[in-house]
Amino acid sequence: MARRKRRTKKYTVRRKVPYRVSYSRKRSSTGSDFNITKTVFPAILYGGVRAKISQMLTPLTQSIPLGVIADEVALGAGAYFIGKRSKGFVRSFLHDALIIESGRIGENIVLGGLGSLTPNQTQGTGFPV
């Protein structure tokens, strides 16, 4: 009769078929899992194309009665709804877009307040538009 492997903390039991046991190694987390290219590159790419996307959506954002933050709301909503159905790099790209737009909305709220946002008010961000 063959000996069974001794279970240690590194292994978990996964039952595929009743009465049969398979052992799989747990995933261990290390510091090398963080990849700066996958984290920063989509945000840089979105920052580069944001102005062109904003210009294309200008007729839509002018009809939204939110004043200065209409542009951010439109781009953030688009990133959210398209990103929900996306995978891979596109999802990462749109996730970063949503974070950037949320930050811009927060900055406008802090600098101008929601009550004073009118279409004629200048945008108080450090980002070129």
Foldseek 3Di string as FASTA:
>chain_A
DDDDDDDDPQWDWDDDDPPDTDIDGDDDDDPVVDDVCLQCVLLVVCLVCVVVVLVVCVVVLVPDFQAPLSSLVVLLVVLVVVLVPDDDSSVSNSVSSNVVSVVQVVVQCVVQNRVRRHNVDDRPDPRDD
